[in-house]
Amino acid sequence: MFAQHTTPTDDSGVTDHVDAFVKQICEVIVGKNQAVKLAVACLLARGHLLIEDIPGVGKTTLSQALARSLALAFQRIQFTSDLLPADILGNSIFDRDEQQFVFHRGPLFSQVVLIDEVNRATPKTQSALLEAMEEQHISIDGVTYELPEPFFVVATQNPQTAVGTFPLPESQLDRFLMRIELGVPDRASERAMLLGMDRREMLKELKPVISPRTLIEIQDNVRKVHVSAALLDYLQDLLDASRQRHSTGLSPRAGLALLHASQAWALMNGRDMVLPEDIQAIGVAVMGHRLGHDIEQLGQSGRTFADNLLHSVPVP
């Protein structure tokens, strides 16, 4: 059994910082508190976030609100079918004065990178993100270039049934710690949005609430959140169940993703140890897109399959 720990991880006001961060974003994205909290947990766990939904529900607005609430360098890249890897990573241009090729860094060399409509680019361009998102550096012409710290990719994606989209391969989906959906707001939240300030004007007025140094400290604290042996047993039971019911199941990397995301969720809730409900809170967002490919061919979504796992695997 799990003892209830409610003591904050440290005395530096971690919970206060995170609460202020979440509150500011929720003022822009009304009625979607759970999705906002998942997005923040993804950031604190040093992951990357994929937001998938129909156009017009606030995917880009959420991404911009996250970026503007952090005092970090920000770049937005609009993915299109004619975009090339060099447009993202940068390229080498011959310098006549130096008589040599000089590498000019692309927009990916930023601390927060918003990739709008990631599945509108070709697979060749999508694959340019793999090394950067996994290893936080890129290799060009035999030279390795380190990306800044922290490094957070937020990508938006239209449903794959939309015209002009290229499905993300499993290897690319796996680079995203979480995939979330926003959906349409409830009636009361939509009324508040209709009567409130224009979202674009609200974004302009957002001020950073977490400094880069504080963010890195909070991210470091996430990895210090205690994980008991019983919790690890529960996590591995989920992994085993997915492999028994699915042709491939969840990979060890997915297990690490569950672990780190649940640590971030516990920290956000002011606790110094992970509980099963932390895994249940983030489980669908972490597992759903990693299980979708084969499952969807059987008429079941990855999110539904992940939700069934969480309800069927016994909790310690």
Protein backbone atom coordinates (compact mmCIF):
# COMPACT_ATOMS: atom_id res chain seq x y z
CA MET A 1 0.00 0.00 0.00
CA PHE A 2 1.06 3.61 -0.57
CA ALA A 3 1.42 6.08 2.28
CA GLN A 4 -0.08 9.50 1.58
CA HIS A 5 2.65 12.13 1.37
CA THR A 6 1.49 15.73 1.09
CA THR A 7 4.70 17.60 1.91
CA PRO A 8 6.03 19.73 -0.97
CA THR A 9 9.25 18.48 -2.51
CA ASP A 10 11.24 21.49 -1.29
CA ASP A 11 10.80 24.89 0.37
CA SER A 12 11.49 26.99 -2.73
CA GLY A 13 7.86 27.50 -3.63
CA VAL A 14 7.80 24.95 -6.44
CA THR A 15 4.06 24.42 -6.14
CA ASP A 16 3.42 28.18 -6.08
CA HIS A 17 5.43 28.68 -9.27
CA VAL A 18 3.64 25.85 -11.05
CA ASP A 19 0.21 26.95 -9.85
CA ALA A 20 0.82 30.49 -11.13
CA PHE A 21 1.99 29.09 -14.46
CA VAL A 22 -1.10 26.87 -14.83
CA LYS A 23 -3.46 29.63 -13.71
CA GLN A 24 -2.18 32.10 -16.29
CA ILE A 25 -2.56 29.64 -19.16
CA CYS A 26 -6.06 28.64 -18.00
CA GLU A 27 -7.10 32.29 -18.23
CA VAL A 28 -6.51 32.04 -21.98
CA ILE A 29 -7.57 28.42 -22.55
CA VAL A 30 -10.86 28.38 -20.65
CA GLY A 31 -12.56 25.17 -19.59
CA LYS A 32 -9.57 22.93 -20.36
CA ASN A 33 -7.76 22.79 -17.01
CA GLN A 34 -6.87 19.10 -17.26
CA ALA A 35 -5.32 19.51 -20.72
CA VAL A 36 -3.34 22.53 -19.54
CA LYS A 37 -2.04 20.64 -16.51
CA LEU A 38 -0.97 17.74 -18.71
CA ALA A 39 0.89 20.16 -20.99
CA VAL A 40 2.71 21.67 -18.01
CA ALA A 41 3.56 18.22 -16.63
CA CYS A 42 5.05 17.34 -20.01
CA LEU A 43 7.28 20.42 -19.86
CA LEU A 44 8.39 19.73 -16.29
CA ALA A 45 9.23 16.12 -17.20
CA ARG A 46 11.55 17.39 -19.97
CA GLY A 47 9.33 15.88 -22.63
CA HIS A 48 7.84 17.15 -25.88
CA LEU A 49 4.14 17.74 -26.45
CA LEU A 50 1.85 16.86 -29.35
CA ILE A 51 -1.57 18.54 -29.46
CA GLU A 52 -3.96 16.84 -31.86
CA ASP A 53 -7.44 18.10 -32.67
CA ILE A 54 -9.62 19.70 -35.30
CA PRO A 55 -8.79 23.26 -36.39
CA GLY A 56 -10.15 26.09 -34.29
CA VAL A 57 -10.20 24.60 -30.79
CA GLY A 58 -7.12 26.42 -29.48
CA LYS A 59 -4.13 24.17 -30.25
CA THR A 60 -1.89 27.01 -31.42
CA THR A 61 -3.21 29.36 -28.74
CA LEU A 62 -2.27 26.87 -26.01
CA SER A 63 1.18 26.44 -27.53
CA GLN A 64 1.75 30.19 -27.64
CA ALA A 65 0.44 30.66 -24.10
CA LEU A 66 2.92 28.06 -22.84
CA ALA A 67 5.79 29.79 -24.62
CA ARG A 68 4.87 33.32 -23.56
CA SER A 69 4.54 32.26 -19.92
CA LEU A 70 8.18 31.21 -19.94
CA ALA A 71 11.09 33.64 -20.21
CA LEU A 72 12.64 31.52 -22.93
CA ALA A 73 13.73 32.07 -26.53
CA PHE A 74 10.80 31.15 -28.78
CA GLN A 75 10.46 30.21 -32.45
CA ARG A 76 7.41 29.18 -34.44
CA ILE A 77 7.75 27.01 -37.54
CA GLN A 78 4.79 26.54 -39.86
CA PHE A 79 5.08 23.10 -41.43
CA THR A 80 4.01 22.86 -45.07
CA SER A 81 4.38 20.26 -47.79
CA ASP A 82 7.26 22.14 -49.45
CA LEU A 83 9.30 22.66 -46.25
CA LEU A 84 12.80 21.14 -46.33
CA PRO A 85 14.93 19.82 -43.43
CA ALA A 86 17.42 22.67 -43.98
CA ASP A 87 14.60 25.17 -43.40
CA ILE A 88 14.35 23.80 -39.85
CA LEU A 89 17.89 22.79 -38.95
CA GLY A 90 19.88 25.38 -40.88
CA ASN A 91 22.50 24.98 -43.59
CA SER A 92 26.09 25.75 -44.50
CA ILE A 93 26.74 28.76 -46.72
CA PHE A 94 30.10 29.58 -48.28
CA ASP A 95 31.67 32.69 -46.75
CA ARG A 96 33.90 34.42 -49.29
CA ASP A 97 35.76 36.39 -46.65
CA GLU A 98 36.53 33.30 -44.57
CA GLN A 99 36.93 31.10 -47.64
CA GLN A 100 35.00 28.33 -45.97
CA PHE A 101 31.48 27.10 -45.36
CA VAL A 102 29.80 28.59 -42.29
CA PHE A 103 26.82 26.92 -40.65
CA HIS A 104 23.79 29.18 -40.17
CA ARG A 105 21.47 27.84 -37.49
CA GLY A 106 17.82 27.30 -38.26
CA PRO A 107 14.76 28.09 -36.12
CA LEU A 108 15.04 24.77 -34.28
CA PHE A 109 17.88 26.32 -32.25
CA SER A 110 15.54 27.82 -29.70
CA GLN A 111 14.41 26.92 -26.20
CA VAL A 112 10.70 26.66 -27.03
CA VAL A 113 9.82 25.61 -30.56
CA LEU A 114 6.22 25.63 -31.77
CA ILE A 115 5.74 23.42 -34.81
CA ASP A 116 2.37 24.26 -36.28
CA GLU A 117 0.59 21.48 -38.21
CA VAL A 118 3.47 19.03 -37.98
CA ASN A 119 1.71 16.45 -40.15
CA ARG A 120 1.45 18.79 -43.14
CA ALA A 121 5.18 18.34 -43.86
CA THR A 122 6.58 15.36 -45.74
CA PRO A 123 8.09 12.38 -43.86
CA LYS A 124 11.57 13.55 -44.93
CA THR A 125 11.08 16.87 -43.13
CA GLN A 126 9.39 15.25 -40.14
CA SER A 127 12.39 12.95 -39.68
CA ALA A 128 14.67 15.98 -39.30
CA LEU A 129 13.22 16.34 -35.79
CA LEU A 130 14.11 12.85 -34.54
CA GLU A 131 17.69 13.42 -33.40
CA ALA A 132 16.93 16.85 -31.95
CA MET A 133 13.97 15.66 -29.87
CA GLU A 134 15.70 12.54 -28.55
CA GLU A 135 19.29 13.66 -28.03
CA GLN A 136 18.98 17.48 -27.88
CA HIS A 137 21.53 17.99 -30.63
CA ILE A 138 21.71 17.75 -34.39
CA SER A 139 24.44 16.48 -36.71
CA ILE A 140 25.14 18.21 -40.02
CA ASP A 141 28.10 17.61 -42.33
CA GLY A 142 29.78 15.49 -39.67
CA VAL A 143 29.55 18.20 -37.01
CA THR A 144 27.35 17.95 -33.90
CA TYR A 145 25.59 21.09 -32.70
CA GLU A 146 24.08 21.21 -29.22
CA LEU A 147 20.59 22.62 -28.79
CA PRO A 148 19.82 25.07 -25.97
CA GLU A 149 18.72 24.13 -22.46
CA PRO A 150 15.87 23.82 -21.71
CA PHE A 151 14.54 22.55 -25.04
CA PHE A 152 10.79 22.07 -25.43
CA VAL A 153 9.01 21.17 -28.68
CA VAL A 154 5.26 21.76 -28.88
CA ALA A 155 3.69 20.46 -32.07
CA THR A 156 0.11 20.77 -33.25
CA GLN A 157 -1.48 18.23 -35.54
CA ASN A 158 -4.71 18.08 -37.48
CA PRO A 159 -6.62 14.78 -37.51
CA GLN A 160 -5.15 12.37 -40.05
CA THR A 161 -8.46 12.39 -41.93
CA ALA A 162 -7.85 16.07 -42.79
CA VAL A 163 -6.87 16.90 -46.37
CA GLY A 164 -3.15 17.25 -47.10
CA THR A 165 -1.69 15.46 -44.07
CA PHE A 166 1.15 12.95 -43.81
CA PRO A 167 0.75 10.52 -40.87
CA LEU A 168 3.54 10.70 -38.30
CA PRO A 169 5.49 7.41 -38.18
CA GLU A 170 5.71 5.48 -34.93
CA SER A 171 9.31 6.57 -34.39
CA GLN A 172 8.27 10.22 -34.56
CA LEU A 173 5.22 9.78 -32.34
CA ASP A 174 7.40 8.06 -29.76
CA ARG A 175 9.54 11.21 -29.44
CA PHE A 176 6.55 13.00 -27.93
CA LEU A 177 6.17 12.34 -24.23
CA MET A 178 2.45 13.16 -24.41
CA ARG A 179 -0.30 13.62 -26.94
CA ILE A 180 -3.32 15.56 -25.75
CA GLU A 181 -6.61 16.67 -27.24
CA LEU A 182 -8.56 19.82 -26.40
CA GLY A 183 -12.00 19.30 -27.87
CA VAL A 184 -14.70 21.95 -27.89
CA PRO A 185 -15.32 23.78 -24.60
CA ASP A 186 -18.43 23.25 -22.51
CA ARG A 187 -21.27 25.73 -22.96
CA ALA A 188 -20.35 27.94 -20.00
CA SER A 189 -16.67 28.13 -20.99
CA GLU A 190 -17.58 28.90 -24.59
CA ARG A 191 -19.90 31.71 -23.42
CA ALA A 192 -17.06 33.16 -21.32
CA MET A 193 -14.79 33.02 -24.36
CA LEU A 194 -17.39 34.71 -26.59
CA LEU A 195 -17.87 37.54 -24.12
CA GLY A 196 -14.24 37.86 -23.07
CA MET A 197 -11.18 39.54 -24.54
CA ASP A 198 -9.87 38.40 -27.91
CA ARG A 199 -7.44 35.49 -27.43
CA ARG A 200 -4.77 37.18 -29.55
CA GLU A 201 -4.90 40.27 -27.37
CA MET A 202 -4.71 38.12 -24.23
CA LEU A 203 -1.59 36.39 -25.58
CA LYS A 204 0.10 39.74 -26.14
CA GLU A 205 -0.44 40.68 -22.51
CA LEU A 206 0.97 37.47 -21.03
CA LYS A 207 4.12 37.92 -18.97
CA PRO A 208 6.66 35.21 -18.04
CA VAL A 209 5.88 33.64 -14.66
CA ILE A 210 8.80 31.18 -14.51
CA SER A 211 12.41 32.12 -15.22
CA PRO A 212 14.72 29.75 -17.15
CA ARG A 213 16.76 29.03 -14.01
CA THR A 214 13.64 28.27 -11.96
CA LEU A 215 12.28 26.01 -14.69
CA ILE A 216 15.49 23.98 -14.81
CA GLU A 217 15.47 23.69 -11.00
CA ILE A 218 11.88 22.42 -11.07
CA GLN A 219 12.75 19.94 -13.82
CA ASP A 220 15.65 18.71 -11.69
CA ASN A 221 13.29 18.30 -8.73
CA VAL A 222 10.95 16.16 -10.82
CA ARG A 223 13.58 13.42 -11.09
CA LYS A 224 14.02 13.48 -7.30
CA VAL A 225 10.38 12.61 -6.57
CA HIS A 226 10.43 9.23 -4.82
CA VAL A 227 9.19 6.15 -6.64
CA SER A 228 8.57 3.08 -4.44
CA ALA A 229 9.11 -0.53 -5.44
CA ALA A 230 5.34 -1.13 -5.31
CA LEU A 231 4.77 1.75 -7.74
CA LEU A 232 7.38 0.34 -10.12
CA ASP A 233 5.60 -3.03 -9.93
CA TYR A 234 2.35 -1.32 -10.96
CA LEU A 235 4.07 0.48 -13.82
CA GLN A 236 5.62 -2.74 -15.09
CA ASP A 237 2.28 -4.51 -14.80
CA LEU A 238 0.85 -1.92 -17.19
CA LEU A 239 3.73 -2.47 -19.62
CA ASP A 240 3.32 -6.26 -19.44
CA ALA A 241 -0.45 -6.05 -19.97
CA SER A 242 0.02 -3.88 -23.05
CA ARG A 243 2.42 -6.43 -24.55
CA GLN A 244 0.05 -9.31 -23.89
CA ARG A 245 -2.92 -7.58 -25.54
CA HIS A 246 -1.11 -5.75 -28.34
CA SER A 247 1.10 -7.03 -31.15
CA THR A 248 4.07 -5.04 -29.83
CA GLY A 249 2.88 -3.23 -26.73
CA LEU A 250 4.67 -0.46 -24.90
CA SER A 251 8.44 -0.14 -25.18
CA PRO A 252 10.89 0.42 -22.30
CA ARG A 253 11.08 4.05 -23.45
CA ALA A 254 7.33 4.30 -22.89
CA GLY A 255 7.90 2.99 -19.36
CA LEU A 256 10.39 5.78 -18.72
CA ALA A 257 7.90 8.26 -20.14
CA LEU A 258 5.22 7.02 -17.72
CA LEU A 259 7.66 7.26 -14.84
CA HIS A 260 8.87 10.79 -15.53
CA ALA A 261 5.41 12.15 -16.34
CA SER A 262 3.96 10.69 -13.14
CA GLN A 263 6.84 12.22 -11.13
CA ALA A 264 6.01 15.60 -12.65
CA TRP A 265 2.31 15.15 -11.83
CA ALA A 266 3.11 14.28 -8.22
CA LEU A 267 5.35 17.34 -7.90
CA MET A 268 2.64 19.57 -9.35
CA ASN A 269 0.31 18.28 -6.65
CA GLY A 270 2.79 19.06 -3.86
CA ARG A 271 3.87 15.50 -3.07
CA ASP A 272 7.34 14.00 -2.73
CA MET A 273 6.38 10.52 -3.92
CA VAL A 274 4.47 9.04 -6.84
CA LEU A 275 1.08 7.41 -6.23
CA PRO A 276 -0.87 5.12 -8.58
CA GLU A 277 -3.33 7.94 -9.27
CA ASP A 278 -0.48 9.96 -10.74
CA ILE A 279 0.09 7.27 -13.36
CA GLN A 280 -3.65 7.06 -13.97
CA ALA A 281 -3.86 10.84 -14.46
CA ILE A 282 -1.18 10.96 -17.16
CA GLY A 283 -1.49 7.40 -18.50
CA VAL A 284 -3.74 7.96 -21.52
CA ALA A 285 -1.77 11.02 -22.68
CA VAL A 286 1.49 9.06 -22.48
CA MET A 287 0.34 5.66 -23.78
CA GLY A 288 -2.42 6.42 -26.28
CA HIS A 289 -0.33 7.59 -29.24
CA ARG A 290 2.20 4.79 -28.70
CA LEU A 291 -0.50 2.15 -29.14
CA GLY A 292 -2.57 3.68 -31.90
CA HIS A 293 -1.16 2.27 -35.15
CA ASP A 294 -2.17 -1.40 -34.95
CA ILE A 295 -5.09 -0.85 -32.60
CA GLU A 296 -6.80 1.67 -34.90
CA GLN A 297 -6.85 -0.93 -37.67
CA LEU A 298 -9.05 -3.02 -35.38
CA GLY A 299 -11.50 -0.18 -34.92
CA GLN A 300 -10.29 0.94 -31.48
CA SER A 301 -8.38 4.12 -30.70
CA GLY A 302 -5.09 4.10 -28.86
CA ARG A 303 -6.63 6.33 -26.19
CA THR A 304 -9.44 3.82 -25.57
CA PHE A 305 -6.97 0.95 -25.39
CA ALA A 306 -4.80 2.87 -22.90
CA ASP A 307 -7.85 3.77 -20.81
CA ASN A 308 -8.89 0.11 -20.71
CA LEU A 309 -5.42 -0.85 -19.51
CA LEU A 310 -5.62 1.62 -16.66
CA HIS A 311 -9.02 0.27 -15.60
CA SER A 312 -8.13 -3.41 -15.90
CA VAL A 313 -4.65 -3.63 -14.32
CA PRO A 314 -5.04 -3.92 -10.53
CA VAL A 315 -3.78 -1.02 -8.45
CA PRO A 316 -1.49 -1.96 -5.52
